[in-house]
Amino acid sequence: MHSLDGDFCGLVLRGAFHPAAADAVPPLPDGTSAGTVVLLGFAGRAGWPAFAAAPEARDGAPDPLDRWSRRVVDGLAARWGGVALYPFGGPPWLPFQRWAQRAEAVFPSPLGLLIHPVWGLWHSYRGAVALRERLPIPPQATAANPCDGCAARPCLTACPVGAFTPGSYDVDACADHLATSSGEVCMTAGCLARRACPVGADHRYGTKAAGFHMRSFRASRA
């Protein structure tokens, strides 16, 4: 048994769970099943400075955040004797949204993103580590989906091109808008639909982080 305490290199622990067959966690290299899966990611603005100061953020090569995440999570997996897993790099895609809901109190939002009762929509999962041991996990905190008490749902009306409707996201309409002069406010401030959510408003990404994510999204649609 080992401790997961220590420096997470800019990431934070985002909960853990004991996987069942329905969770589709890949087997360990020797073919056995993982006993525990630990999720890692960002929560609020705290992780951005660590990434922004990293060489991947400045080398001009593609996918800087994914490459930084791989370096950091691979290092943690090696330290803990586990296997690193990622929400990117597919297909096939690992079911990180399912894993996140198993690991902590997060819920599907009308935008399709998972919402956290404290962080709102301002959080992400950058990787996970599958461990052989079945580590003790504290009981998950009880919380309600904050979207259930939000009658106005401003997230669904704030998009300038109506890209979001209940249960769907028009990716092409969003990307096309960002390529116009009218989309400049979204490119600099971040997604207006996401920013309209009142939950966790104090944790909204700053302009540098928001701009980075919007540029990355636009580049992925080029």
C-alpha atoms as a PDB file:
ATOM      1  CA  MET A   1       0.000   0.000   0.000  1.00  0.00           C
ATOM      2  CA  HIS A   2       1.410   3.407  -0.864  1.00  0.00           C
ATOM      3  CA  SER A   3       0.463   6.991  -0.204  1.00  0.00           C
ATOM      4  CA  LEU A   4      -0.772   9.339  -2.924  1.00  0.00           C
ATOM      5  CA  ASP A   5       0.299  12.384  -0.939  1.00  0.00           C
ATOM      6  CA  GLY A   6       2.839  14.741  -2.409  1.00  0.00           C
ATOM      7  CA  ASP A   7       3.340  17.210  -5.222  1.00  0.00           C
ATOM      8  CA  PHE A   8       0.926  16.688  -8.114  1.00  0.00           C
ATOM      9  CA  CYS A   9       2.854  19.118 -10.372  1.00  0.00           C
ATOM     10  CA  GLY A  10      -0.047  21.513 -10.889  1.00  0.00           C
ATOM     11  CA  LEU A  11      -2.826  18.939 -10.959  1.00  0.00           C
ATOM     12  CA  VAL A  12      -5.209  18.075  -8.118  1.00  0.00           C
ATOM     13  CA  LEU A  13      -6.767  14.802  -7.077  1.00  0.00           C
ATOM     14  CA  ARG A  14     -10.282  14.614  -8.542  1.00  0.00           C
ATOM     15  CA  GLY A  15     -11.498  11.625  -6.584  1.00  0.00           C
ATOM     16  CA  ALA A  16     -11.135   7.874  -7.002  1.00  0.00           C
ATOM     17  CA  PHE A  17     -13.283   4.771  -7.410  1.00  0.00           C
ATOM     18  CA  HIS A  18     -13.086   1.000  -7.306  1.00  0.00           C
ATOM     19  CA  PRO A  19     -13.828  -0.064 -10.891  1.00  0.00           C
ATOM     20  CA  ALA A  20     -16.509  -2.544 -11.872  1.00  0.00           C
ATOM     21  CA  ALA A  21     -16.835  -4.296 -15.214  1.00  0.00           C
ATOM     22  CA  ALA A  22     -19.301  -1.665 -16.472  1.00  0.00           C
ATOM     23  CA  ASP A  23     -16.693   1.084 -15.998  1.00  0.00           C
ATOM     24  CA  ALA A  24     -14.625  -0.254 -18.909  1.00  0.00           C
ATOM     25  CA  VAL A  25     -11.280   0.394 -17.225  1.00  0.00           C
ATOM     26  CA  PRO A  26      -8.551  -1.242 -19.325  1.00  0.00           C
ATOM     27  CA  PRO A  27      -6.741  -4.185 -17.736  1.00  0.00           C
ATOM     28  CA  LEU A  28      -3.293  -3.702 -16.287  1.00  0.00           C
ATOM     29  CA  PRO A  29      -0.307  -4.793 -18.410  1.00  0.00           C
ATOM     30  CA  ASP A  30      -0.349  -8.286 -16.865  1.00  0.00           C
ATOM     31  CA  GLY A  31      -4.030  -8.718 -17.728  1.00  0.00           C
ATOM     32  CA  THR A  32      -5.361  -8.300 -14.190  1.00  0.00           C
ATOM     33  CA  SER A  33      -8.015  -5.758 -13.226  1.00  0.00           C
ATOM     34  CA  ALA A  34      -7.235  -2.454 -11.559  1.00  0.00           C
ATOM     35  CA  GLY A  35      -8.270  -2.193  -7.920  1.00  0.00           C
ATOM     36  CA  THR A  36      -8.479   1.615  -7.812  1.00  0.00           C
ATOM     37  CA  VAL A  37      -8.628   4.399 -10.382  1.00  0.00           C
ATOM     38  CA  VAL A  38      -7.495   7.868  -9.282  1.00  0.00           C
ATOM     39  CA  LEU A  39      -8.537  10.881 -11.367  1.00  0.00           C
ATOM     40  CA  LEU A  40      -6.396  14.001 -11.768  1.00  0.00           C
ATOM     41  CA  GLY A  41      -7.202  17.368 -13.255  1.00  0.00           C
ATOM     42  CA  PHE A  42      -7.756  21.073 -12.807  1.00  0.00           C
ATOM     43  CA  ALA A  43     -10.223  22.755 -10.450  1.00  0.00           C
ATOM     44  CA  GLY A  44     -10.794  26.450 -10.983  1.00  0.00           C
ATOM     45  CA  ARG A  45      -7.846  28.636 -11.954  1.00  0.00           C
ATOM     46  CA  ALA A  46      -5.211  26.985  -9.773  1.00  0.00           C
ATOM     47  CA  GLY A  47      -3.617  24.670 -12.335  1.00  0.00           C
ATOM     48  CA  TRP A  48      -3.147  27.154 -15.165  1.00  0.00           C
ATOM     49  CA  PRO A  49       0.126  28.752 -13.905  1.00  0.00           C
ATOM     50  CA  ALA A  50       1.855  25.359 -13.715  1.00  0.00           C
ATOM     51  CA  PHE A  51       1.001  24.583 -17.320  1.00  0.00           C
ATOM     52  CA  ALA A  52       1.704  28.123 -18.567  1.00  0.00           C
ATOM     53  CA  ALA A  53       5.229  27.949 -17.111  1.00  0.00           C
ATOM     54  CA  ALA A  54       5.960  24.542 -18.666  1.00  0.00           C
ATOM     55  CA  PRO A  55       8.092  24.097 -21.810  1.00  0.00           C
ATOM     56  CA  GLU A  56       5.166  22.498 -23.659  1.00  0.00           C
ATOM     57  CA  ALA A  57       3.224  25.769 -23.393  1.00  0.00           C
ATOM     58  CA  ARG A  58       5.992  27.678 -25.201  1.00  0.00           C
ATOM     59  CA  ASP A  59       7.542  25.287 -27.721  1.00  0.00           C
ATOM     60  CA  GLY A  60       5.051  25.930 -30.522  1.00  0.00           C
ATOM     61  CA  ALA A  61       4.359  22.242 -31.113  1.00  0.00           C
ATOM     62  CA  PRO A  62       0.785  20.931 -31.410  1.00  0.00           C
ATOM     63  CA  ASP A  63      -1.345  19.850 -28.447  1.00  0.00           C
ATOM     64  CA  PRO A  64       0.696  21.485 -25.676  1.00  0.00           C
ATOM     65  CA  LEU A  65      -1.773  20.805 -22.852  1.00  0.00           C
ATOM     66  CA  ASP A  66      -2.167  17.152 -23.788  1.00  0.00           C
ATOM     67  CA  ARG A  67       1.606  16.706 -24.005  1.00  0.00           C
ATOM     68  CA  TRP A  68       2.096  18.408 -20.636  1.00  0.00           C
ATOM     69  CA  SER A  69      -0.639  16.248 -19.123  1.00  0.00           C
ATOM     70  CA  ARG A  70       1.028  13.096 -20.416  1.00  0.00           C
ATOM     71  CA  ARG A  71       4.379  14.098 -18.954  1.00  0.00           C
ATOM     72  CA  VAL A  72       2.908  14.931 -15.549  1.00  0.00           C
ATOM     73  CA  VAL A  73       0.489  12.003 -15.251  1.00  0.00           C
ATOM     74  CA  ASP A  74       3.025   9.528 -16.638  1.00  0.00           C
ATOM     75  CA  GLY A  75       5.410  10.713 -13.912  1.00  0.00           C
ATOM     76  CA  LEU A  76       2.800  10.289 -11.182  1.00  0.00           C
ATOM     77  CA  ALA A  77       1.873   6.835 -12.482  1.00  0.00           C
ATOM     78  CA  ALA A  78       5.522   5.786 -12.395  1.00  0.00           C
ATOM     79  CA  ARG A  79       5.894   7.137  -8.840  1.00  0.00           C
ATOM     80  CA  TRP A  80       2.780   5.284  -7.662  1.00  0.00           C
ATOM     81  CA  GLY A  81       3.408   2.066  -9.591  1.00  0.00           C
ATOM     82  CA  GLY A  82       0.285   2.464 -11.726  1.00  0.00           C
ATOM     83  CA  VAL A  83      -0.791   2.907 -15.334  1.00  0.00           C
ATOM     84  CA  ALA A  84      -1.649   6.307 -16.809  1.00  0.00           C
ATOM     85  CA  LEU A  85      -4.939   6.705 -18.694  1.00  0.00           C
ATOM     86  CA  TYR A  86      -6.150   9.726 -20.662  1.00  0.00           C
ATOM     87  CA  PRO A  87      -9.390  11.302 -21.955  1.00  0.00           C
ATOM     88  CA  PHE A  88      -7.641  12.217 -25.221  1.00  0.00           C
ATOM     89  CA  GLY A  89      -5.623  10.311 -27.796  1.00  0.00           C
ATOM     90  CA  GLY A  90      -8.498   8.182 -29.092  1.00  0.00           C
ATOM     91  CA  PRO A  91     -10.288   6.554 -30.668  1.00  0.00           C
ATOM     92  CA  PRO A  92     -11.107   4.484 -28.764  1.00  0.00           C
ATOM     93  CA  TRP A  93     -12.092   7.024 -26.108  1.00  0.00           C
ATOM     94  CA  LEU A  94     -12.106   6.086 -22.455  1.00  0.00           C
ATOM     95  CA  PRO A  95     -15.365   6.913 -20.592  1.00  0.00           C
ATOM     96  CA  PHE A  96     -13.936   9.692 -18.422  1.00  0.00           C
ATOM     97  CA  GLN A  97     -17.309  11.328 -17.818  1.00  0.00           C
ATOM     98  CA  ARG A  98     -18.605   8.084 -16.344  1.00  0.00           C
ATOM     99  CA  TRP A  99     -15.453   7.710 -14.274  1.00  0.00           C
ATOM    100  CA  ALA A 100     -15.739  11.288 -13.019  1.00  0.00           C
ATOM    101  CA  GLN A 101     -19.287  10.679 -11.798  1.00  0.00           C
ATOM    102  CA  ARG A 102     -18.072   7.550 -10.016  1.00  0.00           C
ATOM    103  CA  ALA A 103     -15.233   9.471  -8.373  1.00  0.00           C
ATOM    104  CA  GLU A 104     -16.904  12.665  -7.140  1.00  0.00           C
ATOM    105  CA  ALA A 105     -20.127  14.653  -7.046  1.00  0.00           C
ATOM    106  CA  VAL A 106     -20.322  15.992 -10.593  1.00  0.00           C
ATOM    107  CA  PHE A 107     -23.395  16.005 -12.824  1.00  0.00           C
ATOM    108  CA  PRO A 108     -24.278  16.415 -16.517  1.00  0.00           C
ATOM    109  CA  SER A 109     -25.147  20.022 -17.354  1.00  0.00           C
ATOM    110  CA  PRO A 110     -27.319  21.314 -20.229  1.00  0.00           C
ATOM    111  CA  LEU A 111     -24.094  22.140 -22.105  1.00  0.00           C
ATOM    112  CA  GLY A 112     -22.896  18.536 -21.934  1.00  0.00           C
ATOM    113  CA  LEU A 113     -20.038  19.452 -19.595  1.00  0.00           C
ATOM    114  CA  LEU A 114     -19.989  18.043 -16.102  1.00  0.00           C
ATOM    115  CA  ILE A 115     -20.879  20.605 -13.442  1.00  0.00           C
ATOM    116  CA  HIS A 116     -19.376  20.589  -9.948  1.00  0.00           C
ATOM    117  CA  PRO A 117     -21.302  22.105  -7.007  1.00  0.00           C
ATOM    118  CA  VAL A 118     -18.316  24.319  -6.099  1.00  0.00           C
ATOM    119  CA  TRP A 119     -16.252  24.703  -9.271  1.00  0.00           C
ATOM    120  CA  GLY A 120     -19.230  24.940 -11.600  1.00  0.00           C
ATOM    121  CA  LEU A 121     -18.090  24.347 -15.191  1.00  0.00           C
ATOM    122  CA  TRP A 122     -14.553  25.523 -14.433  1.00  0.00           C
ATOM    123  CA  HIS A 123     -12.748  22.225 -13.978  1.00  0.00           C
ATOM    124  CA  SER A 124     -11.396  19.419 -16.118  1.00  0.00           C
ATOM    125  CA  TYR A 125      -9.924  15.928 -16.017  1.00  0.00           C
ATOM    126  CA  ARG A 126      -6.425  15.632 -17.455  1.00  0.00           C
ATOM    127  CA  GLY A 127      -5.776  11.967 -16.753  1.00  0.00           C
ATOM    128  CA  ALA A 128      -6.136   9.045 -14.390  1.00  0.00           C
ATOM    129  CA  VAL A 129      -3.911   6.424 -12.808  1.00  0.00           C
ATOM    130  CA  ALA A 130      -5.047   2.815 -12.541  1.00  0.00           C
ATOM    131  CA  LEU A 131      -3.565   1.075  -9.504  1.00  0.00           C
ATOM    132  CA  ARG A 132      -3.396  -2.608  -8.654  1.00  0.00           C
ATOM    133  CA  GLU A 133      -4.246  -2.044  -4.987  1.00  0.00           C
ATOM    134  CA  ARG A 134      -7.781  -1.506  -3.736  1.00  0.00           C
ATOM    135  CA  LEU A 135      -7.062   1.647  -1.754  1.00  0.00           C
ATOM    136  CA  PRO A 136      -9.466   2.921   0.905  1.00  0.00           C
ATOM    137  CA  ILE A 137     -11.676   5.685  -0.522  1.00  0.00           C
ATOM    138  CA  PRO A 138     -13.582   8.136   1.689  1.00  0.00           C
ATOM    139  CA  PRO A 139     -17.359   8.199   1.133  1.00  0.00           C
ATOM    140  CA  GLN A 140     -18.343  10.544  -1.673  1.00  0.00           C
ATOM    141  CA  ALA A 141     -19.741  13.849  -0.465  1.00  0.00           C
ATOM    142  CA  THR A 142     -23.497  14.150  -0.861  1.00  0.00           C
ATOM    143  CA  ALA A 143     -24.495  16.971  -3.190  1.00  0.00           C
ATOM    144  CA  ALA A 144     -27.349  17.891  -5.493  1.00  0.00           C
ATOM    145  CA  ASN A 145     -27.055  18.770  -9.158  1.00  0.00           C
ATOM    146  CA  PRO A 146     -27.028  22.592  -9.133  1.00  0.00           C
ATOM    147  CA  CYS A 147     -28.706  22.634 -12.556  1.00  0.00           C
ATOM    148  CA  ASP A 148     -31.861  21.110 -11.057  1.00  0.00           C
ATOM    149  CA  GLY A 149     -32.575  24.328  -9.146  1.00  0.00           C
ATOM    150  CA  CYS A 150     -31.736  26.661 -12.040  1.00  0.00           C
ATOM    151  CA  ALA A 151     -35.003  27.596 -13.745  1.00  0.00           C
ATOM    152  CA  ALA A 152     -33.529  30.307 -15.999  1.00  0.00           C
ATOM    153  CA  ARG A 153     -30.760  28.141 -17.502  1.00  0.00           C
ATOM    154  CA  PRO A 154     -28.890  31.128 -18.988  1.00  0.00           C
ATOM    155  CA  CYS A 155     -26.304  28.760 -20.448  1.00  0.00           C
ATOM    156  CA  LEU A 156     -28.809  27.740 -23.144  1.00  0.00           C
ATOM    157  CA  THR A 157     -29.573  31.295 -24.281  1.00  0.00           C
ATOM    158  CA  ALA A 158     -26.191  33.044 -24.027  1.00  0.00           C
ATOM    159  CA  CYS A 159     -24.601  31.597 -27.180  1.00  0.00           C
ATOM    160  CA  PRO A 160     -24.685  34.205 -29.986  1.00  0.00           C
ATOM    161  CA  VAL A 161     -25.457  31.534 -32.596  1.00  0.00           C
ATOM    162  CA  GLY A 162     -27.696  29.266 -30.508  1.00  0.00           C
ATOM    163  CA  ALA A 163     -25.260  26.370 -30.680  1.00  0.00           C
ATOM    164  CA  PHE A 164     -26.648  24.818 -27.503  1.00  0.00           C
ATOM    165  CA  THR A 165     -30.094  23.313 -27.161  1.00  0.00           C
ATOM    166  CA  PRO A 166     -31.235  20.742 -24.591  1.00  0.00           C
ATOM    167  CA  GLY A 167     -29.359  17.551 -25.380  1.00  0.00           C
ATOM    168  CA  SER A 168     -27.387  18.828 -28.377  1.00  0.00           C
ATOM    169  CA  TYR A 169     -24.431  20.997 -29.349  1.00  0.00           C
ATOM    170  CA  ASP A 170     -23.996  22.330 -32.891  1.00  0.00           C
ATOM    171  CA  VAL A 171     -20.205  22.137 -33.079  1.00  0.00           C
ATOM    172  CA  ASP A 172     -20.031  23.479 -36.637  1.00  0.00           C
ATOM    173  CA  ALA A 173     -22.136  26.555 -35.835  1.00  0.00           C
ATOM    174  CA  CYS A 174     -19.882  27.300 -32.866  1.00  0.00           C
ATOM    175  CA  ALA A 175     -16.652  26.856 -34.836  1.00  0.00           C
ATOM    176  CA  ASP A 176     -17.932  28.911 -37.789  1.00  0.00           C
ATOM    177  CA  HIS A 177     -18.873  31.767 -35.451  1.00  0.00           C
ATOM    178  CA  LEU A 178     -15.423  31.792 -33.868  1.00  0.00           C
ATOM    179  CA  ALA A 179     -13.884  32.314 -37.304  1.00  0.00           C
ATOM    180  CA  THR A 180     -15.769  35.627 -37.773  1.00  0.00           C
ATOM    181  CA  SER A 181     -15.155  39.071 -36.316  1.00  0.00           C
ATOM    182  CA  SER A 182     -18.329  38.633 -34.247  1.00  0.00           C
ATOM    183  CA  GLY A 183     -16.743  35.658 -32.550  1.00  0.00           C
ATOM    184  CA  GLU A 184     -13.791  37.640 -31.202  1.00  0.00           C
ATOM    185  CA  VAL A 185     -15.437  38.167 -27.803  1.00  0.00           C
ATOM    186  CA  CYS A 186     -15.809  34.393 -27.422  1.00  0.00           C
ATOM    187  CA  MET A 187     -12.210  33.876 -28.514  1.00  0.00           C
ATOM    188  CA  THR A 188     -10.855  36.277 -25.900  1.00  0.00           C
ATOM    189  CA  ALA A 189     -13.252  35.890 -22.956  1.00  0.00           C
ATOM    190  CA  GLY A 190     -14.172  32.260 -23.482  1.00  0.00           C
ATOM    191  CA  CYS A 191     -17.420  30.497 -24.336  1.00  0.00           C
ATOM    192  CA  LEU A 192     -20.266  32.871 -23.445  1.00  0.00           C
ATOM    193  CA  ALA A 193     -22.632  29.993 -22.715  1.00  0.00           C
ATOM    194  CA  ARG A 194     -20.190  28.536 -20.223  1.00  0.00           C
ATOM    195  CA  ARG A 195     -19.571  31.936 -18.655  1.00  0.00           C
ATOM    196  CA  ALA A 196     -23.325  32.499 -18.245  1.00  0.00           C
ATOM    197  CA  CYS A 197     -23.580  29.720 -15.664  1.00  0.00           C
ATOM    198  CA  PRO A 198     -23.817  31.305 -12.181  1.00  0.00           C
ATOM    199  CA  VAL A 199     -22.357  28.268 -10.386  1.00  0.00           C
ATOM    200  CA  GLY A 200     -18.697  28.704  -9.476  1.00  0.00           C
ATOM    201  CA  ALA A 201     -18.561  32.130 -11.142  1.00  0.00           C
ATOM    202  CA  ASP A 202     -15.591  33.140  -8.960  1.00  0.00           C
ATOM    203  CA  HIS A 203     -13.596  30.283 -10.503  1.00  0.00           C
ATOM    204  CA  ARG A 204     -14.037  31.279 -14.149  1.00  0.00           C
ATOM    205  CA  TYR A 205     -10.838  30.976 -16.155  1.00  0.00           C
ATOM    206  CA  GLY A 206      -8.837  34.146 -16.725  1.00  0.00           C
ATOM    207  CA  THR A 207      -8.465  35.583 -20.213  1.00  0.00           C
ATOM    208  CA  LYS A 208      -5.144  33.835 -20.919  1.00  0.00           C
ATOM    209  CA  ALA A 209      -6.510  30.401 -20.046  1.00  0.00           C
ATOM    210  CA  ALA A 210      -9.842  31.062 -21.767  1.00  0.00           C
ATOM    211  CA  GLY A 211      -8.132  32.287 -24.923  1.00  0.00           C
ATOM    212  CA  PHE A 212      -5.856  29.268 -24.999  1.00  0.00           C
ATOM    213  CA  HIS A 213      -8.753  26.831 -24.784  1.00  0.00           C
ATOM    214  CA  MET A 214     -10.753  28.648 -27.452  1.00  0.00           C
ATOM    215  CA  ARG A 215      -7.771  28.740 -29.823  1.00  0.00           C
ATOM    216  CA  SER A 216      -7.178  25.049 -29.204  1.00  0.00           C
ATOM    217  CA  PHE A 217     -10.811  24.255 -29.988  1.00  0.00           C
ATOM    218  CA  ARG A 218     -10.743  26.335 -33.155  1.00  0.00           C
ATOM    219  CA  ALA A 219      -7.491  24.677 -34.293  1.00  0.00           C
ATOM    220  CA  SER A 220      -9.045  21.251 -33.754  1.00  0.00           C
ATOM    221  CA  ARG A 221     -11.827  22.178 -36.209  1.00  0.00           C
ATOM    222  CA  ALA A 222      -9.491  23.496 -38.916  1.00  0.00           C
END
